[in-house]
Amino acid sequence: IIAHDDSLLSVYGNFDKDSLHSNLQGKTKIEA
């Protein structure tokens, strides 16, 4: 789940666990 401005969340589901964690593990900020 990614938090954006205006109290909006974008939710992305049904991932390969390893690819998701290798890209996001330890990240806080993210860009488009």
All heavy atoms as atom14 arrays in JSON, in Angstrom:
{
  "sequence": "IIAHDDSLLSVYGNFDKDSLHSNLQGKTKIEA",
  "atom14_mask": [
    [1, 1, 1, 1, 1, 1, 1, 1, 0, 0, 0, 0, 0, 0],
    [1, 1, 1, 1, 1, 1, 1, 1, 0, 0, 0, 0, 0, 0],
    [1, 1, 1, 1, 1, 0, 0, 0, 0, 0, 0, 0, 0, 0],
    [1, 1, 1, 1, 1, 1, 1, 1, 1, 1, 0, 0, 0, 0],
    [1, 1, 1, 1, 1, 1, 1, 1, 0, 0, 0, 0, 0, 0],
    [1, 1, 1, 1, 1, 1, 1, 1, 0, 0, 0, 0, 0, 0],
    [1, 1, 1, 1, 1, 1, 0, 0, 0, 0, 0, 0, 0, 0],
    [1, 1, 1, 1, 1, 1, 1, 1, 0, 0, 0, 0, 0, 0],
    [1, 1, 1, 1, 1, 1, 1, 1, 0, 0, 0, 0, 0, 0],
    [1, 1, 1, 1, 1, 1, 0, 0, 0, 0, 0, 0, 0, 0],
    [1, 1, 1, 1, 1, 1, 1, 0, 0, 0, 0, 0, 0, 0],
    [1, 1, 1, 1, 1, 1, 1, 1, 1, 1, 1, 1, 0, 0],
    [1, 1, 1, 1, 0, 0, 0, 0, 0, 0, 0, 0, 0, 0],
    [1, 1, 1, 1, 1, 1, 1, 1, 0, 0, 0, 0, 0, 0],
    [1, 1, 1, 1, 1, 1, 1, 1, 1, 1, 1, 0, 0, 0],
    [1, 1, 1, 1, 1, 1, 1, 1, 0, 0, 0, 0, 0, 0],
    [1, 1, 1, 1, 1, 1, 1, 1, 1, 0, 0, 0, 0, 0],
    [1, 1, 1, 1, 1, 1, 1, 1, 0, 0, 0, 0, 0, 0],
    [1, 1, 1, 1, 1, 1, 0, 0, 0, 0, 0, 0, 0, 0],
    [1, 1, 1, 1, 1, 1, 1, 1, 0, 0, 0, 0, 0, 0],
    [1, 1, 1, 1, 1, 1, 1, 1, 1, 1, 0, 0, 0, 0],
    [1, 1, 1, 1, 1, 1, 0, 0, 0, 0, 0, 0, 0, 0],
    [1, 1, 1, 1, 1, 1, 1, 1, 0, 0, 0, 0, 0, 0],
    [1, 1, 1, 1, 1, 1, 1, 1, 0, 0, 0, 0, 0, 0],
    [1, 1, 1, 1, 1, 1, 1, 1, 1, 0, 0, 0, 0, 0],
    [1, 1, 1, 1, 0, 0, 0, 0, 0, 0, 0, 0, 0, 0],
    [1, 1, 1, 1, 1, 1, 1, 1, 1, 0, 0, 0, 0, 0],
    [1, 1, 1, 1, 1, 1, 1, 0, 0, 0, 0, 0, 0, 0],
    [1, 1, 1, 1, 1, 1, 1, 1, 1, 0, 0, 0, 0, 0],
    [1, 1, 1, 1, 1, 1, 1, 1, 0, 0, 0, 0, 0, 0],
    [1, 1, 1, 1, 1, 1, 1, 1, 1, 0, 0, 0, 0, 0],
    [1, 1, 1, 1, 1, 0, 0, 0, 0, 0, 0, 0, 0, 0]
  ],
  "atom14_positions": [
    [[0.86, -1.18, 0.0], [0.0, 0.0, 0.0], [0.89, 1.23, 0.0], [1.8, 1.36, 0.83], [-0.92, 0.03, 1.24], [-1.8, -1.22, 1.27], [-1.79, 1.29, 1.24], [-2.65, -1.33, 2.53], [0.0, 0.0, 0.0], [0.0, 0.0, 0.0], [0.0, 0.0, 0.0], [0.0, 0.0, 0.0], [0.0, 0.0, 0.0], [0.0, 0.0, 0.0]],
    [[0.61, 2.15, -0.94], [1.37, 3.39, -1.07], [0.46, 4.55, -0.69], [-0.67, 4.65, -1.18], [1.88, 3.6, -2.52], [2.63, 2.35, -3.02], [2.76, 4.85, -2.59], [3.88, 2.01, -2.26], [0.0, 0.0, 0.0], [0.0, 0.0, 0.0], [0.0, 0.0, 0.0], [0.0, 0.0, 0.0], [0.0, 0.0, 0.0], [0.0, 0.0, 0.0]],
    [[0.93, 5.42, 0.2], [0.17, 6.6, 0.62], [0.53, 7.79, -0.26], [1.7, 8.04, -0.54], [0.46, 6.92, 2.09], [0.0, 0.0, 0.0], [0.0, 0.0, 0.0], [0.0, 0.0, 0.0], [0.0, 0.0, 0.0], [0.0, 0.0, 0.0], [0.0, 0.0, 0.0], [0.0, 0.0, 0.0], [0.0, 0.0, 0.0], [0.0, 0.0, 0.0]],
    [[-0.52, 8.52, -0.69], [-0.35, 9.71, -1.53], [-1.0, 10.9, -0.85], [-1.55, 10.79, 0.25], [-0.97, 9.47, -2.92], [-0.49, 8.23, -3.59], [0.74, 8.13, -4.2], [-1.08, 7.02, -3.74], [0.9, 6.92, -4.71], [-0.2, 6.22, -4.43], [0.0, 0.0, 0.0], [0.0, 0.0, 0.0], [0.0, 0.0, 0.0], [0.0, 0.0, 0.0]],
    [[-0.97, 12.05, -1.51], [-1.63, 13.24, -0.98], [-3.14, 13.03, -0.92], [-3.69, 12.11, -1.54], [-1.32, 14.46, -1.86], [0.15, 14.87, -1.78], [0.81, 14.49, -0.8], [0.61, 15.57, -2.71], [0.0, 0.0, 0.0], [0.0, 0.0, 0.0], [0.0, 0.0, 0.0], [0.0, 0.0, 0.0], [0.0, 0.0, 0.0], [0.0, 0.0, 0.0]],
    [[-3.84, 13.92, -0.23], [-5.31, 13.96, -0.18], [-5.92, 12.7, 0.44], [-7.03, 12.31, 0.07], [-5.9, 14.18, -1.57], [-5.4, 15.46, -2.21], [-5.38, 16.48, -1.5], [-5.05, 15.44, -3.39], [0.0, 0.0, 0.0], [0.0, 0.0, 0.0], [0.0, 0.0, 0.0], [0.0, 0.0, 0.0], [0.0, 0.0, 0.0], [0.0, 0.0, 0.0]],
    [[-5.18, 12.04, 1.33], [-5.68, 10.85, 2.03], [-5.97, 9.69, 1.08], [-6.83, 8.85, 1.36], [-6.95, 11.18, 2.84], [-6.7, 12.2, 3.78], [0.0, 0.0, 0.0], [0.0, 0.0, 0.0], [0.0, 0.0, 0.0], [0.0, 0.0, 0.0], [0.0, 0.0, 0.0], [0.0, 0.0, 0.0], [0.0, 0.0, 0.0], [0.0, 0.0, 0.0]],
    [[-5.27, 9.63, -0.04], [-5.45, 8.55, -1.0], [-4.39, 7.48, -0.82], [-3.22, 7.78, -0.55], [-5.39, 9.08, -2.43], [-6.51, 10.02, -2.88], [-6.35, 10.34, -4.36], [-7.87, 9.43, -2.61], [0.0, 0.0, 0.0], [0.0, 0.0, 0.0], [0.0, 0.0, 0.0], [0.0, 0.0, 0.0], [0.0, 0.0, 0.0], [0.0, 0.0, 0.0]],
    [[-4.81, 6.24, -0.98], [-3.9, 5.1, -0.98], [-4.03, 4.37, -2.31], [-5.13, 4.22, -2.84], [-4.25, 4.11, 0.14], [-4.34, 4.63, 1.57], [-4.75, 3.49, 2.5], [-3.01, 5.22, 2.02], [0.0, 0.0, 0.0], [0.0, 0.0, 0.0], [0.0, 0.0, 0.0], [0.0, 0.0, 0.0], [0.0, 0.0, 0.0], [0.0, 0.0, 0.0]],
    [[-2.91, 3.92, -2.85], [-2.96, 2.99, -3.97], [-2.51, 1.62, -3.46], [-1.56, 1.51, -2.69], [-2.07, 3.45, -5.14], [-0.72, 3.62, -4.75], [0.0, 0.0, 0.0], [0.0, 0.0, 0.0], [0.0, 0.0, 0.0], [0.0, 0.0, 0.0], [0.0, 0.0, 0.0], [0.0, 0.0, 0.0], [0.0, 0.0, 0.0], [0.0, 0.0, 0.0]],
    [[-3.26, 0.6, -3.84], [-3.07, -0.75, -3.31], [-2.77, -1.69, -4.47], [-3.49, -1.7, -5.48], [-4.33, -1.22, -2.56], [-4.1, -2.59, -1.93], [-4.74, -0.2, -1.5], [0.0, 0.0, 0.0], [0.0, 0.0, 0.0], [0.0, 0.0, 0.0], [0.0, 0.0, 0.0], [0.0, 0.0, 0.0], [0.0, 0.0, 0.0], [0.0, 0.0, 0.0]],
    [[-1.72, -2.5, -4.33], [-1.28, -3.39, -5.39], [-1.18, -4.79, -4.81], [-0.45, -5.01, -3.83], [0.09, -2.96, -5.93], [0.23, -1.48, -6.22], [0.41, -0.57, -5.18], [0.21, -1.0, -7.53], [0.54, 0.8, -5.44], [0.35, 0.36, -7.8], [0.52, 1.24, -6.75], [0.66, 2.59, -7.02], [0.0, 0.0, 0.0], [0.0, 0.0, 0.0]],
    [[-1.88, -5.75, -5.39], [-1.89, -7.09, -4.83], [-1.54, -8.17, -5.83], [-1.51, -7.95, -7.04], [0.0, 0.0, 0.0], [0.0, 0.0, 0.0], [0.0, 0.0, 0.0], [0.0, 0.0, 0.0], [0.0, 0.0, 0.0], [0.0, 0.0, 0.0], [0.0, 0.0, 0.0], [0.0, 0.0, 0.0], [0.0, 0.0, 0.0], [0.0, 0.0, 0.0]],
    [[-1.26, -9.35, -5.28], [-0.97, -10.56, -6.05], [0.43, -10.54, -6.66], [0.64, -10.79, -7.84], [-2.02, -10.78, -7.15], [-2.09, -12.23, -7.58], [-1.96, -13.14, -6.78], [-2.28, -12.44, -8.87], [0.0, 0.0, 0.0], [0.0, 0.0, 0.0], [0.0, 0.0, 0.0], [0.0, 0.0, 0.0], [0.0, 0.0, 0.0], [0.0, 0.0, 0.0]],
    [[1.42, -10.24, -5.81], [2.82, -10.16, -6.24], [3.59, -11.44, -5.98], [3.26, -12.24, -5.09], [3.54, -9.04, -5.48], [3.33, -7.67, -6.02], [2.38, -6.83, -5.47], [4.1, -7.19, -7.07], [2.19, -5.55, -5.95], [3.93, -5.92, -7.56], [2.97, -5.1, -7.0], [0.0, 0.0, 0.0], [0.0, 0.0, 0.0], [0.0, 0.0, 0.0]],
    [[4.67, -11.58, -6.73], [5.74, -12.5, -6.37], [6.46, -11.89, -5.17], [6.92, -10.74, -5.23], [6.7, -12.69, -7.54], [7.96, -13.42, -7.13], [7.89, -14.65, -6.94], [9.01, -12.76, -7.0], [0.0, 0.0, 0.0], [0.0, 0.0, 0.0], [0.0, 0.0, 0.0], [0.0, 0.0, 0.0], [0.0, 0.0, 0.0], [0.0, 0.0, 0.0]],
    [[6.55, -12.64, -4.09], [7.08, -12.1, -2.84], [8.5, -11.59, -2.99], [8.84, -10.49, -2.52], [7.01, -13.16, -1.75], [7.56, -12.71, -0.41], [7.48, -13.82, 0.63], [8.09, -13.41, 1.94], [8.02, -14.48, 2.96], [0.0, 0.0, 0.0], [0.0, 0.0, 0.0], [0.0, 0.0, 0.0], [0.0, 0.0, 0.0], [0.0, 0.0, 0.0]],
    [[9.35, -12.36, -3.65], [10.76, -11.98, -3.74], [10.95, -10.69, -4.53], [11.74, -9.82, -4.13], [11.57, -13.11, -4.38], [11.67, -14.34, -3.49], [11.5, -14.19, -2.26], [11.92, -15.44, -4.02], [0.0, 0.0, 0.0], [0.0, 0.0, 0.0], [0.0, 0.0, 0.0], [0.0, 0.0, 0.0], [0.0, 0.0, 0.0], [0.0, 0.0, 0.0]],
    [[10.23, -10.54, -5.64], [10.39, -9.32, -6.45], [9.84, -8.11, -5.72], [10.42, -7.02, -5.78], [9.71, -9.48, -7.82], [8.3, -9.5, -7.7], [0.0, 0.0, 0.0], [0.0, 0.0, 0.0], [0.0, 0.0, 0.0], [0.0, 0.0, 0.0], [0.0, 0.0, 0.0], [0.0, 0.0, 0.0], [0.0, 0.0, 0.0], [0.0, 0.0, 0.0]],
    [[8.74, -8.28, -4.99], [8.16, -7.17, -4.24], [9.11, -6.69, -3.15], [9.38, -5.5, -3.02], [6.82, -7.59, -3.63], [6.07, -6.54, -2.81], [5.61, -5.4, -3.69], [4.88, -7.17, -2.09], [0.0, 0.0, 0.0], [0.0, 0.0, 0.0], [0.0, 0.0, 0.0], [0.0, 0.0, 0.0], [0.0, 0.0, 0.0], [0.0, 0.0, 0.0]],
    [[9.66, -7.62, -2.41], [10.52, -7.24, -1.3], [11.87, -6.74, -1.77], [12.44, -5.84, -1.14], [10.67, -8.42, -0.33], [9.5, -8.57, 0.59], [9.57, -8.39, 1.94], [8.2, -8.88, 0.33], [8.38, -8.57, 2.49], [7.54, -8.87, 1.54], [0.0, 0.0, 0.0], [0.0, 0.0, 0.0], [0.0, 0.0, 0.0], [0.0, 0.0, 0.0]],
    [[12.38, -7.27, -2.86], [13.67, -6.78, -3.34], [13.57, -5.34, -3.84], [14.54, -4.58, -3.76], [14.19, -7.67, -4.48], [13.35, -7.6, -5.61], [0.0, 0.0, 0.0], [0.0, 0.0, 0.0], [0.0, 0.0, 0.0], [0.0, 0.0, 0.0], [0.0, 0.0, 0.0], [0.0, 0.0, 0.0], [0.0, 0.0, 0.0], [0.0, 0.0, 0.0]],
    [[12.39, -4.93, -4.31], [12.21, -3.56, -4.79], [11.82, -2.59, -3.69], [12.11, -1.39, -3.79], [11.14, -3.52, -5.89], [11.65, -4.04, -7.21], [12.52, -3.44, -7.83], [11.1, -5.16, -7.65], [0.0, 0.0, 0.0], [0.0, 0.0, 0.0], [0.0, 0.0, 0.0], [0.0, 0.0, 0.0], [0.0, 0.0, 0.0], [0.0, 0.0, 0.0]],
    [[11.14, -3.06, -2.63], [10.59, -2.14, -1.64], [11.16, -2.3, -0.23], [10.92, -1.43, 0.6], [9.07, -2.32, -1.57], [8.28, -1.91, -2.8], [6.79, -2.02, -2.53], [8.63, -0.51, -3.26], [0.0, 0.0, 0.0], [0.0, 0.0, 0.0], [0.0, 0.0, 0.0], [0.0, 0.0, 0.0], [0.0, 0.0, 0.0], [0.0, 0.0, 0.0]],
    [[11.89, -3.37, 0.04], [12.4, -3.59, 1.38], [13.25, -2.4, 1.84], [14.22, -2.01, 1.18], [13.24, -4.87, 1.44], [13.66, -5.27, 2.85], [12.47, -5.7, 3.71], [11.56, -6.35, 3.24], [12.5, -5.32, 4.97], [0.0, 0.0, 0.0], [0.0, 0.0, 0.0], [0.0, 0.0, 0.0], [0.0, 0.0, 0.0], [0.0, 0.0, 0.0]],
    [[12.87, -1.78, 2.96], [13.62, -0.66, 3.51], [13.28, 0.68, 2.9], [13.79, 1.71, 3.36], [0.0, 0.0, 0.0], [0.0, 0.0, 0.0], [0.0, 0.0, 0.0], [0.0, 0.0, 0.0], [0.0, 0.0, 0.0], [0.0, 0.0, 0.0], [0.0, 0.0, 0.0], [0.0, 0.0, 0.0], [0.0, 0.0, 0.0], [0.0, 0.0, 0.0]],
    [[12.42, 0.73, 1.89], [12.07, 1.99, 1.25], [10.95, 2.68, 2.02], [10.05, 2.05, 2.53], [11.6, 1.75, -0.19], [12.7, 1.79, -1.23], [12.1, 1.92, -2.63], [13.2, 2.09, -3.66], [12.65, 2.28, -5.03], [0.0, 0.0, 0.0], [0.0, 0.0, 0.0], [0.0, 0.0, 0.0], [0.0, 0.0, 0.0], [0.0, 0.0, 0.0]],
    [[11.03, 3.99, 2.06], [9.92, 4.78, 2.6], [9.32, 5.64, 1.5], [8.13, 5.55, 1.23], [10.39, 5.65, 3.77], [11.52, 6.44, 3.36], [10.77, 4.79, 4.96], [0.0, 0.0, 0.0], [0.0, 0.0, 0.0], [0.0, 0.0, 0.0], [0.0, 0.0, 0.0], [0.0, 0.0, 0.0], [0.0, 0.0, 0.0], [0.0, 0.0, 0.0]],
    [[10.13, 6.47, 0.86], [9.63, 7.29, -0.24], [9.72, 6.54, -1.55], [10.62, 5.73, -1.76], [10.42, 8.61, -0.33], [10.19, 9.54, 0.85], [10.91, 10.86, 0.64], [10.63, 11.8, 1.82], [11.32, 13.12, 1.64], [0.0, 0.0, 0.0], [0.0, 0.0, 0.0], [0.0, 0.0, 0.0], [0.0, 0.0, 0.0], [0.0, 0.0, 0.0]],
    [[8.78, 6.82, -2.43], [8.76, 6.18, -3.74], [8.24, 7.17, -4.76], [7.46, 8.08, -4.43], [7.88, 4.9, -3.71], [8.12, 4.05, -4.95], [6.41, 5.23, -3.5], [7.59, 2.64, -4.83], [0.0, 0.0, 0.0], [0.0, 0.0, 0.0], [0.0, 0.0, 0.0], [0.0, 0.0, 0.0], [0.0, 0.0, 0.0], [0.0, 0.0, 0.0]],
    [[8.68, 7.03, -6.0], [8.3, 7.98, -7.05], [7.44, 7.29, -8.1], [7.46, 6.06, -8.24], [9.56, 8.57, -7.7], [10.39, 9.41, -6.75], [11.6, 10.03, -7.44], [11.82, 9.72, -8.64], [12.31, 10.81, -6.79], [0.0, 0.0, 0.0], [0.0, 0.0, 0.0], [0.0, 0.0, 0.0], [0.0, 0.0, 0.0], [0.0, 0.0, 0.0]],
    [[6.72, 8.11, -8.84], [5.9, 7.6, -9.93], [6.76, 6.81, -10.91], [7.87, 7.22, -11.25], [5.21, 8.75, -10.66], [0.0, 0.0, 0.0], [0.0, 0.0, 0.0], [0.0, 0.0, 0.0], [0.0, 0.0, 0.0], [0.0, 0.0, 0.0], [0.0, 0.0, 0.0], [0.0, 0.0, 0.0], [0.0, 0.0, 0.0], [0.0, 0.0, 0.0]]
  ]
}
